[in-house]
Amino acid sequence: MTTILSTSSWDAADYARVGGFVPALGAAALDLLAPQPGETILDVGCGDGTLTLRIKEAGAEVVGIDNSLSMIGAAKAKGLDARLMDAADLKFSEAFDAAFSNATLHWVLDKQRAARAIWFALKPGGRFVGEMGGDGNLAALRRHLDDELVTRGFGPPTYAANWYPTPQEFAELYEGVGFRDVDAELIERPTELEHGVEGWVLAFRKGWLDRAEVPEDQRPAIAAAVARRHGSNTADYIRLRFTMRKP
């Protein structure tokens, strides 16, 4: 959940309550990483450290970065080396054997700078594995929210909230900064929201509502109206899963 020039705004307690499905579904990407004992691994957008802890438990030395102070606090409470840092502004004295990222890169709008920063953070031969939102991700939910904002007289923010690339767009960007063997695929993943659409709107689109200048006391009613428009508690997630290496 690292952010640079994005619309995310996170509270670790809210995220733990509503967003537990995100690291749970990221376990498949973590399996692709296959962390080994003694490896040094960078977790780009570690959030509250749920998956970072699993990397550590595999025997690797892991550093998590995130630009949410609340999330970093939650990760540190798990005993992790978690640092407040933007994905597009990585600064380390030594390079890593591998990097991992789950549900983060779609929040990073300075995407080329972030890709280059990750490249420089890796040793030659290092791998980068992860998952993010892909082309068409949450199209229905995002449309229903914006329609409700317009109905109530709030103008949705005018610049993009996220980068949801096609596999081709993603590969071109990362190959352009020097990565090779870039493999990216879209995975449709309709996801039942345990806490409903209302909970998703209030937790995952907090930054969007902030930028639309929606008063706090009106947000629950808007979230409930979005849920009615959507008509189910299934989120139309489409993920982009990727692997690559630094020559």
C-alpha atoms as a PDB file:
ATOM      1  CA  MET A   1       0.000   0.000   0.000  1.00  0.00           C
ATOM      2  CA  THR A   2       2.840   2.385  -0.628  1.00  0.00           C
ATOM      3  CA  THR A   3       1.781   5.622  -2.189  1.00  0.00           C
ATOM      4  CA  ILE A   4       3.336   8.407  -4.188  1.00  0.00           C
ATOM      5  CA  LEU A   5       1.062  10.978  -5.787  1.00  0.00           C
ATOM      6  CA  SER A   6      -1.919   8.691  -5.251  1.00  0.00           C
ATOM      7  CA  THR A   7      -5.278   8.737  -3.535  1.00  0.00           C
ATOM      8  CA  SER A   8      -4.713   6.066  -0.896  1.00  0.00           C
ATOM      9  CA  SER A   9      -5.048   6.925   2.772  1.00  0.00           C
ATOM     10  CA  TRP A  10      -4.672   4.157   5.286  1.00  0.00           C
ATOM     11  CA  ASP A  11      -5.481   3.411   8.885  1.00  0.00           C
ATOM     12  CA  ALA A  12      -3.868   0.158  10.028  1.00  0.00           C
ATOM     13  CA  ALA A  13      -6.743  -0.777  12.361  1.00  0.00           C
ATOM     14  CA  ASP A  14      -9.386  -0.239   9.660  1.00  0.00           C
ATOM     15  CA  TYR A  15      -7.275  -2.146   7.163  1.00  0.00           C
ATOM     16  CA  ALA A  16      -6.828  -5.096   9.516  1.00  0.00           C
ATOM     17  CA  ARG A  17     -10.586  -5.200  10.105  1.00  0.00           C
ATOM     18  CA  VAL A  18     -11.775  -4.780   6.492  1.00  0.00           C
ATOM     19  CA  GLY A  19      -8.821  -5.613   4.259  1.00  0.00           C
ATOM     20  CA  GLY A  20      -7.577  -8.932   5.569  1.00  0.00           C
ATOM     21  CA  PHE A  21      -8.485 -10.565   2.257  1.00  0.00           C
ATOM     22  CA  VAL A  22      -5.736  -8.601   0.458  1.00  0.00           C
ATOM     23  CA  PRO A  23      -2.710 -10.341   2.014  1.00  0.00           C
ATOM     24  CA  ALA A  24      -4.621 -13.636   2.076  1.00  0.00           C
ATOM     25  CA  LEU A  25      -5.082 -13.522  -1.687  1.00  0.00           C
ATOM     26  CA  GLY A  26      -1.491 -12.340  -2.154  1.00  0.00           C
ATOM     27  CA  ALA A  27      -0.196 -15.657  -0.862  1.00  0.00           C
ATOM     28  CA  ALA A  28      -0.116 -17.062  -4.416  1.00  0.00           C
ATOM     29  CA  ALA A  29       2.325 -14.358  -5.488  1.00  0.00           C
ATOM     30  CA  LEU A  30       4.378 -15.047  -2.377  1.00  0.00           C
ATOM     31  CA  ASP A  31       4.627 -18.682  -3.443  1.00  0.00           C
ATOM     32  CA  LEU A  32       6.189 -17.487  -6.707  1.00  0.00           C
ATOM     33  CA  LEU A  33       8.779 -15.535  -4.744  1.00  0.00           C
ATOM     34  CA  ALA A  34       9.757 -18.717  -2.870  1.00  0.00           C
ATOM     35  CA  PRO A  35      11.961 -16.941  -0.300  1.00  0.00           C
ATOM     36  CA  GLN A  36      14.996 -18.922   0.801  1.00  0.00           C
ATOM     37  CA  PRO A  37      16.858 -18.915   4.134  1.00  0.00           C
ATOM     38  CA  GLY A  38      19.585 -16.290   4.168  1.00  0.00           C
ATOM     39  CA  GLU A  39      18.277 -14.286   1.222  1.00  0.00           C
ATOM     40  CA  THR A  40      17.815 -10.536   1.565  1.00  0.00           C
ATOM     41  CA  ILE A  41      14.372  -9.471   0.348  1.00  0.00           C
ATOM     42  CA  LEU A  42      12.667  -6.091  -0.023  1.00  0.00           C
ATOM     43  CA  ASP A  43       8.890  -5.958   0.485  1.00  0.00           C
ATOM     44  CA  VAL A  44       7.672  -2.966  -1.528  1.00  0.00           C
ATOM     45  CA  GLY A  45       4.508  -1.722   0.154  1.00  0.00           C
ATOM     46  CA  CYS A  46       4.559  -3.986   3.183  1.00  0.00           C
ATOM     47  CA  GLY A  47       1.378  -2.563   4.715  1.00  0.00           C
ATOM     48  CA  ASP A  48       0.843  -3.984   8.192  1.00  0.00           C
ATOM     49  CA  GLY A  49       3.483  -6.644   7.561  1.00  0.00           C
ATOM     50  CA  THR A  50       1.251  -9.711   7.237  1.00  0.00           C
ATOM     51  CA  LEU A  51       3.100 -11.124   4.203  1.00  0.00           C
ATOM     52  CA  THR A  52       6.424  -9.619   5.270  1.00  0.00           C
ATOM     53  CA  LEU A  53       6.250 -11.772   8.370  1.00  0.00           C
ATOM     54  CA  ARG A  54       5.761 -14.874   6.242  1.00  0.00           C
ATOM     55  CA  ILE A  55       8.910 -13.995   4.269  1.00  0.00           C
ATOM     56  CA  LYS A  56      10.823 -13.639   7.547  1.00  0.00           C
ATOM     57  CA  GLU A  57       9.439 -16.952   8.809  1.00  0.00           C
ATOM     58  CA  ALA A  58      10.848 -18.614   5.672  1.00  0.00           C
ATOM     59  CA  GLY A  59      14.311 -17.677   6.946  1.00  0.00           C
ATOM     60  CA  ALA A  60      14.999 -14.654   4.754  1.00  0.00           C
ATOM     61  CA  GLU A  61      16.220 -11.291   5.973  1.00  0.00           C
ATOM     62  CA  VAL A  62      13.423  -8.928   4.953  1.00  0.00           C
ATOM     63  CA  VAL A  63      12.990  -5.166   4.954  1.00  0.00           C
ATOM     64  CA  GLY A  64       9.491  -3.773   4.453  1.00  0.00           C
ATOM     65  CA  ILE A  65       8.824  -0.266   3.177  1.00  0.00           C
ATOM     66  CA  ASP A  66       5.588   1.701   3.126  1.00  0.00           C
ATOM     67  CA  ASN A  67       4.745   5.405   3.189  1.00  0.00           C
ATOM     68  CA  SER A  68       1.869   5.018   5.657  1.00  0.00           C
ATOM     69  CA  LEU A  69       3.068   5.746   9.185  1.00  0.00           C
ATOM     70  CA  SER A  70       0.099   3.826  10.581  1.00  0.00           C
ATOM     71  CA  MET A  71       0.994   0.739   8.549  1.00  0.00           C
ATOM     72  CA  ILE A  72       4.666   0.951   9.459  1.00  0.00           C
ATOM     73  CA  GLY A  73       3.708   1.072  13.123  1.00  0.00           C
ATOM     74  CA  ALA A  74       1.622  -2.075  12.724  1.00  0.00           C
ATOM     75  CA  ALA A  75       4.454  -3.866  10.899  1.00  0.00           C
ATOM     76  CA  LYS A  76       6.985  -2.878  13.562  1.00  0.00           C
ATOM     77  CA  ALA A  77       4.628  -4.244  16.211  1.00  0.00           C
ATOM     78  CA  LYS A  78       5.083  -7.652  14.516  1.00  0.00           C
ATOM     79  CA  GLY A  79       8.838  -7.381  15.114  1.00  0.00           C
ATOM     80  CA  LEU A  80       9.660  -6.516  11.508  1.00  0.00           C
ATOM     81  CA  ASP A  81      12.267  -4.201  10.013  1.00  0.00           C
ATOM     82  CA  ALA A  82       9.762  -1.769   8.489  1.00  0.00           C
ATOM     83  CA  ARG A  83      10.758   1.650   7.194  1.00  0.00           C
ATOM     84  CA  LEU A  84       8.781   4.728   6.199  1.00  0.00           C
ATOM     85  CA  MET A  85       9.701   5.190   2.545  1.00  0.00           C
ATOM     86  CA  ASP A  86       8.104   5.782  -0.859  1.00  0.00           C
ATOM     87  CA  ALA A  87       8.360   3.081  -3.511  1.00  0.00           C
ATOM     88  CA  ALA A  88       9.597   5.707  -5.961  1.00  0.00           C
ATOM     89  CA  ASP A  89      12.321   6.925  -3.609  1.00  0.00           C
ATOM     90  CA  LEU A  90      14.132   3.845  -2.318  1.00  0.00           C
ATOM     91  CA  LYS A  91      17.461   4.454  -0.592  1.00  0.00           C
ATOM     92  CA  PHE A  92      19.562   1.521   0.617  1.00  0.00           C
ATOM     93  CA  SER A  93      23.294   1.096   1.115  1.00  0.00           C
ATOM     94  CA  GLU A  94      23.203  -2.533  -0.036  1.00  0.00           C
ATOM     95  CA  ALA A  95      21.236  -4.337  -2.738  1.00  0.00           C
ATOM     96  CA  PHE A  96      18.718  -7.161  -2.230  1.00  0.00           C
ATOM     97  CA  ASP A  97      18.558 -10.678  -3.631  1.00  0.00           C
ATOM     98  CA  ALA A  98      14.862 -10.254  -4.436  1.00  0.00           C
ATOM     99  CA  ALA A  99      11.937  -7.858  -4.177  1.00  0.00           C
ATOM    100  CA  PHE A 100       8.271  -8.590  -3.572  1.00  0.00           C
ATOM    101  CA  SER A 101       5.165  -6.434  -3.836  1.00  0.00           C
ATOM    102  CA  ASN A 102       1.496  -7.190  -3.228  1.00  0.00           C
ATOM    103  CA  ALA A 103      -1.417  -4.813  -3.903  1.00  0.00           C
ATOM    104  CA  THR A 104       0.856  -1.776  -3.992  1.00  0.00           C
ATOM    105  CA  LEU A 105       2.116  -0.742  -7.411  1.00  0.00           C
ATOM    106  CA  HIS A 106      -1.333   0.331  -8.646  1.00  0.00           C
ATOM    107  CA  TRP A 107      -1.229   3.103  -6.019  1.00  0.00           C
ATOM    108  CA  VAL A 108       2.135   4.383  -7.235  1.00  0.00           C
ATOM    109  CA  LEU A 109       1.457   6.906  -9.975  1.00  0.00           C
ATOM    110  CA  ASP A 110       5.127   7.842 -10.435  1.00  0.00           C
ATOM    111  CA  LYS A 111       5.434   4.389 -11.907  1.00  0.00           C
ATOM    112  CA  GLN A 112       8.571   4.749 -14.031  1.00  0.00           C
ATOM    113  CA  ARG A 113      10.530   6.231 -11.147  1.00  0.00           C
ATOM    114  CA  ALA A 114       9.352   3.399  -8.895  1.00  0.00           C
ATOM    115  CA  ALA A 115      10.339   0.766 -11.462  1.00  0.00           C
ATOM    116  CA  ARG A 116      13.803   2.259 -11.752  1.00  0.00           C
ATOM    117  CA  ALA A 117      14.146   2.496  -7.956  1.00  0.00           C
ATOM    118  CA  ILE A 118      13.297  -1.199  -7.583  1.00  0.00           C
ATOM    119  CA  TRP A 119      15.809  -2.078 -10.329  1.00  0.00           C
ATOM    120  CA  PHE A 120      18.579  -0.231  -8.483  1.00  0.00           C
ATOM    121  CA  ALA A 121      17.592  -1.885  -5.177  1.00  0.00           C
ATOM    122  CA  LEU A 122      18.313  -5.365  -6.573  1.00  0.00           C
ATOM    123  CA  LYS A 123      21.580  -7.221  -7.030  1.00  0.00           C
ATOM    124  CA  PRO A 124      22.466  -8.436 -10.545  1.00  0.00           C
ATOM    125  CA  GLY A 125      20.423 -11.576 -11.087  1.00  0.00           C
ATOM    126  CA  GLY A 126      17.860 -10.447  -8.520  1.00  0.00           C
ATOM    127  CA  ARG A 127      14.201 -11.266  -9.075  1.00  0.00           C
ATOM    128  CA  PHE A 128      11.080  -9.151  -8.626  1.00  0.00           C
ATOM    129  CA  VAL A 129       7.776 -10.927  -8.046  1.00  0.00           C
ATOM    130  CA  GLY A 130       4.354  -9.682  -7.115  1.00  0.00           C
ATOM    131  CA  GLU A 131       0.786  -8.785  -7.835  1.00  0.00           C
ATOM    132  CA  MET A 132      -1.169  -5.562  -8.358  1.00  0.00           C
ATOM    133  CA  GLY A 133      -4.418  -4.320  -9.830  1.00  0.00           C
ATOM    134  CA  GLY A 134      -4.618  -4.906 -13.573  1.00  0.00           C
ATOM    135  CA  ASP A 135      -6.553  -3.518 -16.523  1.00  0.00           C
ATOM    136  CA  GLY A 136     -10.265  -3.260 -15.666  1.00  0.00           C
ATOM    137  CA  ASN A 137      -9.749  -3.745 -11.940  1.00  0.00           C
ATOM    138  CA  LEU A 138     -12.792  -2.705  -9.868  1.00  0.00           C
ATOM    139  CA  ALA A 139     -14.324  -0.960 -12.876  1.00  0.00           C
ATOM    140  CA  ALA A 140     -17.904  -1.441 -11.673  1.00  0.00           C
ATOM    141  CA  LEU A 141     -17.274  -0.452  -8.055  1.00  0.00           C
ATOM    142  CA  ARG A 142     -15.290   2.626  -9.046  1.00  0.00           C
ATOM    143  CA  ARG A 143     -18.019   3.690 -11.500  1.00  0.00           C
ATOM    144  CA  HIS A 144     -20.758   3.245  -8.905  1.00  0.00           C
ATOM    145  CA  LEU A 145     -18.855   5.368  -6.402  1.00  0.00           C
ATOM    146  CA  ASP A 146     -18.235   8.185  -8.864  1.00  0.00           C
ATOM    147  CA  ASP A 147     -21.852   8.116 -10.040  1.00  0.00           C
ATOM    148  CA  GLU A 148     -23.029   8.461  -6.448  1.00  0.00           C
ATOM    149  CA  LEU A 149     -20.638  11.335  -5.789  1.00  0.00           C
ATOM    150  CA  VAL A 150     -21.925  13.190  -8.850  1.00  0.00           C
ATOM    151  CA  THR A 151     -25.542  12.565  -7.828  1.00  0.00           C
ATOM    152  CA  ARG A 152     -24.818  14.158  -4.452  1.00  0.00           C
ATOM    153  CA  GLY A 153     -23.022  17.160  -5.923  1.00  0.00           C
ATOM    154  CA  PHE A 154     -19.435  16.093  -5.284  1.00  0.00           C
ATOM    155  CA  GLY A 155     -17.004  16.217  -8.186  1.00  0.00           C
ATOM    156  CA  PRO A 156     -14.837  13.088  -8.334  1.00  0.00           C
ATOM    157  CA  PRO A 157     -11.109  13.916  -8.432  1.00  0.00           C
ATOM    158  CA  THR A 158      -9.973  14.717 -11.945  1.00  0.00           C
ATOM    159  CA  TYR A 159      -6.682  12.820 -12.138  1.00  0.00           C
ATOM    160  CA  ALA A 160      -6.214   9.077 -12.010  1.00  0.00           C
ATOM    161  CA  ALA A 161      -6.454   7.327  -8.674  1.00  0.00           C
ATOM    162  CA  ASN A 162      -4.573   4.239  -9.770  1.00  0.00           C
ATOM    163  CA  TRP A 163      -2.462   2.690 -12.489  1.00  0.00           C
ATOM    164  CA  TYR A 164      -4.172  -0.481 -13.689  1.00  0.00           C
ATOM    165  CA  PRO A 165      -2.033  -1.590 -16.652  1.00  0.00           C
ATOM    166  CA  THR A 166      -2.434  -4.243 -19.283  1.00  0.00           C
ATOM    167  CA  PRO A 167       0.268  -6.927 -19.227  1.00  0.00           C
ATOM    168  CA  GLN A 168       1.797  -5.288 -22.298  1.00  0.00           C
ATOM    169  CA  GLU A 169       1.939  -1.837 -20.690  1.00  0.00           C
ATOM    170  CA  PHE A 170       3.446  -3.286 -17.538  1.00  0.00           C
ATOM    171  CA  ALA A 171       6.080  -5.304 -19.398  1.00  0.00           C
ATOM    172  CA  GLU A 172       7.087  -2.357 -21.580  1.00  0.00           C
ATOM    173  CA  LEU A 173       7.629  -0.149 -18.530  1.00  0.00           C
ATOM    174  CA  TYR A 174       9.756  -2.648 -16.616  1.00  0.00           C
ATOM    175  CA  GLU A 175      11.716  -3.774 -19.657  1.00  0.00           C
ATOM    176  CA  GLY A 176      12.358  -0.104 -20.337  1.00  0.00           C
ATOM    177  CA  VAL A 177      14.227   0.327 -17.049  1.00  0.00           C
ATOM    178  CA  GLY A 178      16.335  -2.791 -17.613  1.00  0.00           C
ATOM    179  CA  PHE A 179      14.426  -5.826 -16.344  1.00  0.00           C
ATOM    180  CA  ARG A 180      14.386  -8.981 -18.444  1.00  0.00           C
ATOM    181  CA  ASP A 181      12.186 -12.091 -18.647  1.00  0.00           C
ATOM    182  CA  VAL A 182       9.159 -10.024 -17.638  1.00  0.00           C
ATOM    183  CA  ASP A 183       6.118 -12.285 -17.394  1.00  0.00           C
ATOM    184  CA  ALA A 184       2.787 -10.608 -16.573  1.00  0.00           C
ATOM    185  CA  GLU A 185      -0.743 -11.998 -16.711  1.00  0.00           C
ATOM    186  CA  LEU A 186      -4.220 -10.816 -15.765  1.00  0.00           C
ATOM    187  CA  ILE A 187      -6.212 -12.901 -13.297  1.00  0.00           C
ATOM    188  CA  GLU A 188      -9.928 -12.316 -12.797  1.00  0.00           C
ATOM    189  CA  ARG A 189     -10.667 -12.647  -9.113  1.00  0.00           C
ATOM    190  CA  PRO A 190     -14.237 -11.792  -8.080  1.00  0.00           C
ATOM    191  CA  THR A 191     -13.936 -11.339  -4.323  1.00  0.00           C
ATOM    192  CA  GLU A 192     -16.658 -11.508  -1.713  1.00  0.00           C
ATOM    193  CA  LEU A 193     -16.257  -8.577   0.669  1.00  0.00           C
ATOM    194  CA  GLU A 194     -16.777  -9.846   4.205  1.00  0.00           C
ATOM    195  CA  HIS A 195     -17.621  -6.374   5.482  1.00  0.00           C
ATOM    196  CA  GLY A 196     -19.649  -5.420   2.427  1.00  0.00           C
ATOM    197  CA  VAL A 197     -19.269  -2.683  -0.134  1.00  0.00           C
ATOM    198  CA  GLU A 198     -19.826  -0.062   2.572  1.00  0.00           C
ATOM    199  CA  GLY A 199     -16.729  -1.200   4.436  1.00  0.00           C
ATOM    200  CA  TRP A 200     -14.720  -1.271   1.206  1.00  0.00           C
ATOM    201  CA  VAL A 201     -15.696   2.290   0.276  1.00  0.00           C
ATOM    202  CA  LEU A 202     -14.881   3.700   3.711  1.00  0.00           C
ATOM    203  CA  ALA A 203     -11.522   1.913   4.031  1.00  0.00           C
ATOM    204  CA  PHE A 204     -10.215   1.538   0.476  1.00  0.00           C
ATOM    205  CA  ARG A 205     -11.497   4.805  -0.972  1.00  0.00           C
ATOM    206  CA  LYS A 206     -10.866   7.044   2.015  1.00  0.00           C
ATOM    207  CA  GLY A 207      -8.306   9.049   0.057  1.00  0.00           C
ATOM    208  CA  TRP A 208     -10.714   9.396  -2.883  1.00  0.00           C
ATOM    209  CA  LEU A 209     -13.411  10.751  -0.564  1.00  0.00           C
ATOM    210  CA  ASP A 210     -10.872  13.091   1.027  1.00  0.00           C
ATOM    211  CA  ARG A 211      -9.986  14.561  -2.333  1.00  0.00           C
ATOM    212  CA  ALA A 212     -13.656  14.882  -3.294  1.00  0.00           C
ATOM    213  CA  GLU A 213     -14.071  16.862  -0.041  1.00  0.00           C
ATOM    214  CA  VAL A 214     -16.823  14.629   1.290  1.00  0.00           C
ATOM    215  CA  PRO A 215     -17.598  15.475   4.947  1.00  0.00           C
ATOM    216  CA  GLU A 216     -17.022  12.613   7.366  1.00  0.00           C
ATOM    217  CA  ASP A 217     -20.652  12.575   8.488  1.00  0.00           C
ATOM    218  CA  GLN A 218     -21.883  11.995   4.911  1.00  0.00           C
ATOM    219  CA  ARG A 219     -19.575   9.115   4.081  1.00  0.00           C
ATOM    220  CA  PRO A 220     -21.570   6.250   5.627  1.00  0.00           C
ATOM    221  CA  ALA A 221     -24.671   7.243   3.628  1.00  0.00           C
ATOM    222  CA  ILE A 222     -22.634   7.449   0.424  1.00  0.00           C
ATOM    223  CA  ALA A 223     -21.062   4.069   1.102  1.00  0.00           C
ATOM    224  CA  ALA A 224     -24.499   2.534   1.672  1.00  0.00           C
ATOM    225  CA  ALA A 225     -25.801   4.085  -1.568  1.00  0.00           C
ATOM    226  CA  VAL A 226     -22.832   2.688  -3.506  1.00  0.00           C
ATOM    227  CA  ALA A 227     -23.622  -0.733  -2.084  1.00  0.00           C
ATOM    228  CA  ARG A 228     -27.205  -0.435  -3.347  1.00  0.00           C
ATOM    229  CA  ARG A 229     -26.008   0.597  -6.794  1.00  0.00           C
ATOM    230  CA  HIS A 230     -23.553  -2.299  -6.933  1.00  0.00           C
ATOM    231  CA  GLY A 231     -26.191  -4.810  -5.895  1.00  0.00           C
ATOM    232  CA  SER A 232     -23.884  -7.409  -4.361  1.00  0.00           C
ATOM    233  CA  ASN A 233     -20.936  -7.745  -2.004  1.00  0.00           C
ATOM    234  CA  THR A 234     -18.691  -9.137  -4.728  1.00  0.00           C
ATOM    235  CA  ALA A 235     -15.853  -6.842  -5.812  1.00  0.00           C
ATOM    236  CA  ASP A 236     -14.782  -7.098  -9.443  1.00  0.00           C
ATOM    237  CA  TYR A 237     -11.068  -7.495  -8.789  1.00  0.00           C
ATOM    238  CA  ILE A 238      -8.706  -8.140 -11.715  1.00  0.00           C
ATOM    239  CA  ARG A 239      -5.111  -8.723 -10.667  1.00  0.00           C
ATOM    240  CA  LEU A 240      -1.887  -8.523 -12.639  1.00  0.00           C
ATOM    241  CA  ARG A 241       0.641 -11.084 -11.418  1.00  0.00           C
ATOM    242  CA  PHE A 242       4.254 -10.725 -12.532  1.00  0.00           C
ATOM    243  CA  THR A 243       7.775 -12.071 -12.356  1.00  0.00           C
ATOM    244  CA  MET A 244      11.007 -10.629 -13.770  1.00  0.00           C
ATOM    245  CA  ARG A 245      14.738 -10.512 -13.159  1.00  0.00           C
ATOM    246  CA  LYS A 246      17.549  -7.992 -13.201  1.00  0.00           C
ATOM    247  CA  PRO A 247      20.342  -9.112 -15.567  1.00  0.00           C
END
